[in-house]
């Protein structure tokens, strides 16, 4: 297998009645461990990374190693951008092959946040990309 869209992966799982695990990775070592474990369990996998993860491990490294591991283990694997905060960041990573994104504009006023989420939705073709956005307040600022 290779890196695929989480949208298709989740639709298939829903239709067949099984769950797909998603793990936030923090470096290349955690990427390797979760992929090897998913392969052992014969499970498709979503690996998610925050902006800090991609900054630390490197976009190219994550995509290359995830792709190599997915092929080695014949494993359906999706990479998800988790809580990314800018359209430019998402655009560059989608152009590099990422197919699942979550924009987090919760630190903006509601109207600005909705506009940011809409800009991501408008940018991504819905047929191949999984999209999500956070419109509520940050977890640390709930009143």
N, C-alpha and C. Protein backbone atom coordinates (compact mmCIF):
# COMPACT_ATOMS: atom_id res chain seq x y z
N UNK A 1 0.84 -1.18 0.00
CA UNK A 1 0.00 0.00 0.00
C UNK A 1 0.88 1.24 0.00
N UNK A 2 0.26 2.39 0.08
CA UNK A 2 0.97 3.65 0.08
C UNK A 2 0.16 4.65 0.88
N UNK A 3 0.63 5.88 0.90
CA UNK A 3 -0.11 6.91 1.64
C UNK A 3 -1.40 7.22 0.88
N UNK A 4 -2.52 7.10 1.59
CA UNK A 4 -3.82 7.29 0.96
C UNK A 4 -4.62 8.35 1.72
N UNK A 5 -5.78 8.66 1.21
CA UNK A 5 -6.68 9.62 1.85
C UNK A 5 -7.39 8.99 3.04
N UNK A 6 -7.41 9.70 4.15
CA UNK A 6 -8.15 9.19 5.31
C UNK A 6 -9.65 9.18 5.03
N UNK A 7 -10.09 10.05 4.13
CA UNK A 7 -11.52 10.09 3.80
C UNK A 7 -11.97 8.74 3.25
N UNK A 8 -11.26 8.23 2.26
CA UNK A 8 -11.61 6.93 1.68
C UNK A 8 -11.44 5.81 2.70
N UNK A 9 -10.38 5.89 3.49
CA UNK A 9 -10.11 4.88 4.50
C UNK A 9 -11.25 4.81 5.51
N UNK A 10 -11.71 5.96 5.98
CA UNK A 10 -12.77 6.00 6.99
C UNK A 10 -14.13 5.60 6.41
N UNK A 11 -14.37 5.96 5.16
CA UNK A 11 -15.62 5.54 4.52
C UNK A 11 -15.67 4.01 4.40
N UNK A 12 -14.55 3.41 4.00
CA UNK A 12 -14.49 1.96 3.89
C UNK A 12 -14.69 1.30 5.25
N UNK A 13 -14.06 1.84 6.28
CA UNK A 13 -14.19 1.29 7.64
C UNK A 13 -15.63 1.40 8.13
N UNK A 14 -16.26 2.54 7.89
CA UNK A 14 -17.65 2.72 8.33
C UNK A 14 -18.56 1.71 7.63
N UNK A 15 -18.36 1.55 6.35
CA UNK A 15 -19.18 0.60 5.58
C UNK A 15 -18.98 -0.84 6.07
N UNK A 16 -17.74 -1.19 6.41
CA UNK A 16 -17.43 -2.57 6.83
C UNK A 16 -17.58 -2.78 8.34
N UNK A 17 -17.79 -1.70 9.09
CA UNK A 17 -18.04 -1.83 10.53
C UNK A 17 -16.81 -2.05 11.40
N UNK A 18 -15.71 -1.40 11.06
CA UNK A 18 -14.53 -1.48 11.93
C UNK A 18 -13.97 -0.09 12.18
N UNK A 19 -13.11 0.03 13.16
CA UNK A 19 -12.50 1.31 13.52
C UNK A 19 -11.10 1.40 12.94
N UNK A 20 -10.66 2.63 12.72
CA UNK A 20 -9.29 2.89 12.26
C UNK A 20 -8.58 3.68 13.35
N UNK A 21 -7.47 3.16 13.86
CA UNK A 21 -6.75 3.92 14.89
C UNK A 21 -6.02 5.11 14.29
N UNK A 22 -5.96 6.18 15.07
CA UNK A 22 -5.19 7.37 14.69
C UNK A 22 -4.28 7.71 15.86
N UNK A 23 -3.01 7.89 15.57
CA UNK A 23 -2.04 8.21 16.61
C UNK A 23 -1.30 9.48 16.25
N UNK A 24 -1.17 10.36 17.23
CA UNK A 24 -0.31 11.53 17.05
C UNK A 24 1.13 11.09 17.25
N UNK A 25 1.93 11.33 16.23
CA UNK A 25 3.35 11.01 16.33
C UNK A 25 4.09 12.28 16.75
N UNK A 26 5.25 12.11 17.34
CA UNK A 26 6.02 13.27 17.79
C UNK A 26 7.42 13.29 17.20
N UNK A 27 7.83 12.17 16.61
CA UNK A 27 9.14 12.09 15.96
C UNK A 27 9.12 10.87 15.04
N UNK A 28 10.23 10.64 14.37
CA UNK A 28 10.29 9.53 13.42
C UNK A 28 10.26 8.17 14.10
N UNK A 29 10.75 8.12 15.33
CA UNK A 29 10.72 6.85 16.07
C UNK A 29 9.29 6.44 16.42
N UNK A 30 8.46 7.40 16.85
CA UNK A 30 7.06 7.04 17.14
C UNK A 30 6.32 6.68 15.86
N UNK A 31 6.67 7.32 14.76
CA UNK A 31 6.09 6.94 13.46
C UNK A 31 6.38 5.48 13.16
N UNK A 32 7.63 5.09 13.32
CA UNK A 32 8.02 3.71 13.03
C UNK A 32 7.28 2.72 13.94
N UNK A 33 7.20 3.03 15.23
CA UNK A 33 6.55 2.11 16.18
C UNK A 33 5.07 1.93 15.87
N UNK A 34 4.35 3.03 15.60
CA UNK A 34 2.91 2.87 15.35
C UNK A 34 2.65 2.16 14.02
N UNK A 35 3.48 2.40 13.02
CA UNK A 35 3.29 1.70 11.74
C UNK A 35 3.58 0.20 11.91
N UNK A 36 4.66 -0.13 12.59
CA UNK A 36 4.98 -1.55 12.79
C UNK A 36 3.89 -2.26 13.61
N UNK A 37 3.36 -1.57 14.61
CA UNK A 37 2.29 -2.17 15.43
C UNK A 37 1.01 -2.35 14.62
N UNK A 38 0.65 -1.34 13.82
CA UNK A 38 -0.54 -1.47 12.97
C UNK A 38 -0.37 -2.62 11.98
N UNK A 39 0.82 -2.76 11.43
CA UNK A 39 1.06 -3.87 10.50
C UNK A 39 0.91 -5.21 11.20
N UNK A 40 1.43 -5.30 12.41
CA UNK A 40 1.31 -6.53 13.19
C UNK A 40 -0.16 -6.87 13.46
N UNK A 41 -0.96 -5.83 13.69
CA UNK A 41 -2.38 -6.01 13.97
C UNK A 41 -3.23 -6.09 12.69
N UNK A 42 -2.58 -5.91 11.54
CA UNK A 42 -3.27 -5.89 10.24
C UNK A 42 -4.35 -4.82 10.20
N UNK A 43 -3.98 -3.64 10.63
CA UNK A 43 -4.93 -2.54 10.72
C UNK A 43 -4.48 -1.37 9.85
N UNK A 44 -5.43 -0.75 9.13
CA UNK A 44 -5.08 0.52 8.49
C UNK A 44 -4.74 1.52 9.59
N UNK A 45 -4.12 2.62 9.22
CA UNK A 45 -3.61 3.54 10.23
C UNK A 45 -3.65 4.98 9.76
N UNK A 46 -3.99 5.87 10.68
CA UNK A 46 -3.84 7.30 10.45
C UNK A 46 -2.77 7.79 11.42
N UNK A 47 -1.73 8.43 10.88
CA UNK A 47 -0.74 9.07 11.74
C UNK A 47 -0.95 10.58 11.63
N UNK A 48 -1.01 11.23 12.77
CA UNK A 48 -1.29 12.66 12.82
C UNK A 48 -0.10 13.39 13.40
N UNK A 49 0.11 14.60 12.92
CA UNK A 49 1.19 15.42 13.45
C UNK A 49 0.77 16.87 13.56
N UNK A 50 1.20 17.49 14.64
CA UNK A 50 0.95 18.91 14.85
C UNK A 50 1.99 19.72 14.06
N UNK A 51 1.83 21.03 14.00
CA UNK A 51 2.87 21.83 13.35
C UNK A 51 4.26 21.58 13.96
N UNK A 52 4.31 21.41 15.27
CA UNK A 52 5.59 21.14 15.93
C UNK A 52 6.22 19.84 15.48
N UNK A 53 5.39 18.82 15.27
CA UNK A 53 5.90 17.53 14.80
C UNK A 53 6.54 17.68 13.43
N UNK A 54 5.83 18.36 12.52
CA UNK A 54 6.35 18.52 11.17
C UNK A 54 7.59 19.41 11.15
N UNK A 55 7.63 20.37 12.03
CA UNK A 55 8.80 21.24 12.15
C UNK A 55 10.00 20.46 12.67
N UNK A 56 9.78 19.65 13.68
CA UNK A 56 10.86 18.90 14.32
C UNK A 56 11.38 17.76 13.43
N UNK A 57 10.47 16.93 12.93
CA UNK A 57 10.88 15.74 12.18
C UNK A 57 11.12 16.04 10.70
N UNK A 58 10.50 17.09 10.19
CA UNK A 58 10.65 17.45 8.78
C UNK A 58 9.58 16.83 7.91
N UNK A 59 8.92 17.68 7.15
CA UNK A 59 7.85 17.22 6.26
C UNK A 59 8.32 16.11 5.33
N UNK A 60 9.44 16.35 4.66
CA UNK A 60 9.95 15.36 3.71
C UNK A 60 10.28 14.04 4.37
N UNK A 61 10.86 14.10 5.57
CA UNK A 61 11.20 12.88 6.29
C UNK A 61 9.95 12.09 6.66
N UNK A 62 8.94 12.78 7.17
CA UNK A 62 7.70 12.10 7.58
C UNK A 62 7.05 11.41 6.39
N UNK A 63 6.89 12.14 5.30
CA UNK A 63 6.23 11.57 4.12
C UNK A 63 7.05 10.42 3.54
N UNK A 64 8.36 10.60 3.43
CA UNK A 64 9.21 9.55 2.85
C UNK A 64 9.21 8.28 3.71
N UNK A 65 9.41 8.44 5.00
CA UNK A 65 9.48 7.27 5.88
C UNK A 65 8.11 6.60 6.00
N UNK A 66 7.05 7.40 6.13
CA UNK A 66 5.71 6.82 6.20
C UNK A 66 5.40 6.05 4.92
N UNK A 67 5.73 6.62 3.78
CA UNK A 67 5.49 5.94 2.51
C UNK A 67 6.28 4.66 2.38
N UNK A 68 7.56 4.71 2.77
CA UNK A 68 8.39 3.50 2.71
C UNK A 68 7.85 2.41 3.63
N UNK A 69 7.46 2.78 4.85
CA UNK A 69 6.93 1.80 5.79
C UNK A 69 5.59 1.23 5.30
N UNK A 70 4.74 2.09 4.75
CA UNK A 70 3.45 1.62 4.24
C UNK A 70 3.66 0.60 3.12
N UNK A 71 4.62 0.87 2.23
CA UNK A 71 4.92 -0.08 1.15
C UNK A 71 5.54 -1.37 1.71
N UNK A 72 6.48 -1.21 2.64
CA UNK A 72 7.16 -2.38 3.21
C UNK A 72 6.17 -3.34 3.87
N UNK A 73 5.20 -2.78 4.60
CA UNK A 73 4.25 -3.61 5.34
C UNK A 73 2.93 -3.81 4.60
N UNK A 74 2.81 -3.26 3.38
CA UNK A 74 1.58 -3.35 2.61
C UNK A 74 0.40 -2.87 3.46
N UNK A 75 0.54 -1.67 3.99
CA UNK A 75 -0.38 -1.11 4.99
C UNK A 75 -1.07 0.15 4.47
N UNK A 76 -2.40 0.20 4.51
CA UNK A 76 -3.08 1.46 4.19
C UNK A 76 -2.75 2.49 5.27
N UNK A 77 -2.17 3.61 4.87
CA UNK A 77 -1.72 4.62 5.83
C UNK A 77 -2.12 6.00 5.33
N UNK A 78 -2.64 6.81 6.23
CA UNK A 78 -2.96 8.20 5.92
C UNK A 78 -2.18 9.09 6.88
N UNK A 79 -1.77 10.25 6.39
CA UNK A 79 -1.10 11.25 7.24
C UNK A 79 -2.06 12.41 7.41
N UNK A 80 -2.24 12.83 8.65
CA UNK A 80 -3.20 13.89 9.00
C UNK A 80 -2.47 15.08 9.62
N UNK A 81 -2.81 16.27 9.15
CA UNK A 81 -2.30 17.50 9.77
C UNK A 81 -3.25 17.85 10.91
N UNK A 82 -2.76 17.81 12.13
CA UNK A 82 -3.61 18.00 13.31
C UNK A 82 -3.37 19.36 13.94
N UNK A 83 -4.42 20.15 14.04
CA UNK A 83 -4.38 21.48 14.66
C UNK A 83 -3.39 22.43 13.99
N UNK A 84 -3.33 22.38 12.66
CA UNK A 84 -2.50 23.35 11.95
C UNK A 84 -3.26 24.67 11.90
N UNK A 85 -2.53 25.76 11.87
CA UNK A 85 -3.15 27.06 12.12
C UNK A 85 -3.12 28.04 10.97
N UNK A 86 -2.49 27.70 9.86
CA UNK A 86 -2.46 28.67 8.76
C UNK A 86 -2.75 27.99 7.43
N UNK A 87 -3.43 28.71 6.57
CA UNK A 87 -3.76 28.20 5.24
C UNK A 87 -2.48 27.95 4.45
N UNK A 88 -1.49 28.83 4.55
CA UNK A 88 -0.24 28.67 3.81
C UNK A 88 0.47 27.37 4.21
N UNK A 89 0.49 27.07 5.50
CA UNK A 89 1.10 25.84 5.99
C UNK A 89 0.38 24.62 5.41
N UNK A 90 -0.93 24.65 5.44
CA UNK A 90 -1.72 23.53 4.92
C UNK A 90 -1.52 23.40 3.41
N UNK A 91 -1.55 24.52 2.69
CA UNK A 91 -1.37 24.47 1.24
C UNK A 91 -0.04 23.80 0.87
N UNK A 92 1.04 24.18 1.55
CA UNK A 92 2.35 23.61 1.20
C UNK A 92 2.40 22.11 1.49
N UNK A 93 1.78 21.68 2.56
CA UNK A 93 1.82 20.26 2.91
C UNK A 93 0.88 19.43 2.02
N UNK A 94 -0.23 19.99 1.62
CA UNK A 94 -1.13 19.30 0.69
C UNK A 94 -0.43 19.14 -0.67
N UNK A 95 0.30 20.16 -1.09
CA UNK A 95 1.03 20.07 -2.35
C UNK A 95 2.12 18.99 -2.29
N UNK A 96 2.57 18.67 -1.07
CA UNK A 96 3.58 17.62 -0.89
C UNK A 96 2.96 16.23 -0.73
N UNK A 97 1.62 16.14 -0.73
CA UNK A 97 0.98 14.84 -0.71
C UNK A 97 0.08 14.52 0.47
N UNK A 98 -0.07 15.42 1.43
CA UNK A 98 -0.95 15.16 2.57
C UNK A 98 -2.40 15.28 2.10
N UNK A 99 -3.27 14.39 2.60
CA UNK A 99 -4.66 14.37 2.14
C UNK A 99 -5.68 14.51 3.27
N UNK A 100 -5.22 14.83 4.48
CA UNK A 100 -6.14 14.97 5.61
C UNK A 100 -5.68 16.14 6.47
N UNK A 101 -6.57 17.11 6.67
CA UNK A 101 -6.16 18.31 7.40
C UNK A 101 -7.21 18.73 8.41
N UNK A 102 -6.74 19.35 9.48
CA UNK A 102 -7.61 19.98 10.47
C UNK A 102 -7.03 21.35 10.77
N UNK A 103 -7.76 22.37 10.39
CA UNK A 103 -7.35 23.75 10.66
C UNK A 103 -7.89 24.14 12.03
N UNK A 104 -7.06 24.78 12.81
CA UNK A 104 -7.46 25.21 14.16
C UNK A 104 -7.31 26.72 14.26
N UNK A 105 -8.42 27.40 14.12
CA UNK A 105 -8.43 28.85 14.26
C UNK A 105 -9.13 29.27 15.54
N UNK A 106 -9.15 28.38 16.52
CA UNK A 106 -9.91 28.64 17.75
C UNK A 106 -9.38 29.82 18.54
N UNK A 107 -8.17 30.26 18.23
CA UNK A 107 -7.61 31.42 18.93
C UNK A 107 -8.07 32.74 18.30
N UNK A 108 -8.79 32.67 17.17
CA UNK A 108 -9.32 33.85 16.52
C UNK A 108 -10.76 34.11 16.97
N UNK A 109 -11.26 35.34 16.79
CA UNK A 109 -12.69 35.58 17.01
C UNK A 109 -13.49 34.66 16.07
N UNK A 110 -14.71 34.34 16.49
CA UNK A 110 -15.52 33.35 15.78
C UNK A 110 -15.62 33.62 14.28
N UNK A 111 -15.93 34.85 13.88
CA UNK A 111 -16.13 35.15 12.46
C UNK A 111 -14.85 34.93 11.67
N UNK A 112 -13.71 35.32 12.24
CA UNK A 112 -12.43 35.13 11.58
C UNK A 112 -12.08 33.63 11.48
N UNK A 113 -12.42 32.91 12.52
CA UNK A 113 -12.19 31.47 12.54
C UNK A 113 -13.00 30.79 11.43
N UNK A 114 -14.27 31.13 11.32
CA UNK A 114 -15.13 30.54 10.29
C UNK A 114 -14.57 30.85 8.91
N UNK A 115 -14.10 32.08 8.70
CA UNK A 115 -13.52 32.45 7.41
C UNK A 115 -12.27 31.62 7.11
N UNK A 116 -11.45 31.36 8.13
CA UNK A 116 -10.26 30.54 7.96
C UNK A 116 -10.63 29.11 7.58
N UNK A 117 -11.60 28.54 8.30
CA UNK A 117 -12.05 27.18 7.99
C UNK A 117 -12.59 27.13 6.56
N UNK A 118 -13.38 28.13 6.17
CA UNK A 118 -13.93 28.17 4.82
C UNK A 118 -12.82 28.25 3.77
N UNK A 119 -11.75 28.99 4.05
CA UNK A 119 -10.65 29.10 3.09
C UNK A 119 -9.99 27.74 2.86
N UNK A 120 -9.89 26.94 3.91
CA UNK A 120 -9.31 25.59 3.76
C UNK A 120 -10.27 24.70 2.98
N UNK A 121 -11.55 24.75 3.32
CA UNK A 121 -12.55 23.94 2.61
C UNK A 121 -12.56 24.31 1.13
N UNK A 122 -12.49 25.60 0.82
CA UNK A 122 -12.48 26.03 -0.58
C UNK A 122 -11.22 25.59 -1.31
N UNK A 123 -10.10 25.53 -0.59
CA UNK A 123 -8.83 25.14 -1.21
C UNK A 123 -8.78 23.65 -1.56
N UNK A 124 -9.35 22.82 -0.71
CA UNK A 124 -9.22 21.37 -0.87
C UNK A 124 -10.38 20.78 -1.67
N UNK A 125 -10.07 20.00 -2.69
CA UNK A 125 -11.15 19.29 -3.39
C UNK A 125 -11.70 18.19 -2.50
N UNK A 126 -12.99 18.21 -2.27
CA UNK A 126 -13.60 17.31 -1.28
C UNK A 126 -13.57 15.84 -1.68
N UNK A 127 -13.37 15.53 -2.93
CA UNK A 127 -13.40 14.13 -3.33
C UNK A 127 -12.21 13.34 -2.82
N UNK A 128 -11.07 13.98 -2.64
CA UNK A 128 -9.87 13.25 -2.25
C UNK A 128 -9.32 13.65 -0.89
N UNK A 129 -9.83 14.68 -0.28
CA UNK A 129 -9.25 15.19 0.95
C UNK A 129 -10.24 15.13 2.11
N UNK A 130 -9.75 14.74 3.26
CA UNK A 130 -10.54 14.80 4.49
C UNK A 130 -10.29 16.18 5.09
N UNK A 131 -11.36 16.88 5.45
CA UNK A 131 -11.22 18.24 5.97
C UNK A 131 -11.91 18.36 7.31
N UNK A 132 -11.36 19.21 8.15
CA UNK A 132 -11.99 19.47 9.44
C UNK A 132 -11.53 20.81 9.96
N UNK A 133 -12.31 21.36 10.85
CA UNK A 133 -11.93 22.64 11.44
C UNK A 133 -12.42 22.74 12.86
N UNK A 134 -11.73 23.53 13.63
CA UNK A 134 -12.12 23.76 15.02
C UNK A 134 -12.69 25.16 15.11
N UNK A 135 -13.95 25.26 15.51
CA UNK A 135 -14.57 26.58 15.58
C UNK A 135 -14.86 27.04 16.99
N UNK A 136 -14.70 26.17 17.97
CA UNK A 136 -14.95 26.55 19.36
C UNK A 136 -13.72 27.19 19.99
N UNK A 137 -13.87 27.63 21.23
CA UNK A 137 -12.72 28.23 21.91
C UNK A 137 -11.67 27.17 22.23
N UNK A 138 -10.42 27.59 22.42
CA UNK A 138 -9.39 26.62 22.81
C UNK A 138 -9.77 25.93 24.11
N UNK A 139 -9.30 24.70 24.29
CA UNK A 139 -9.66 23.93 25.48
C UNK A 139 -9.27 24.64 26.76
N UNK A 140 -8.21 25.44 26.73
CA UNK A 140 -7.75 26.10 27.96
C UNK A 140 -8.53 27.38 28.26
N UNK A 141 -9.42 27.77 27.34
CA UNK A 141 -10.16 29.02 27.51
C UNK A 141 -11.66 28.78 27.50
N UNK A 142 -12.11 27.63 27.96
CA UNK A 142 -13.55 27.34 28.00
C UNK A 142 -14.15 27.99 29.23
N UNK A 143 -15.22 28.69 29.05
CA UNK A 143 -15.88 29.38 30.17
C UNK A 143 -17.23 28.77 30.44
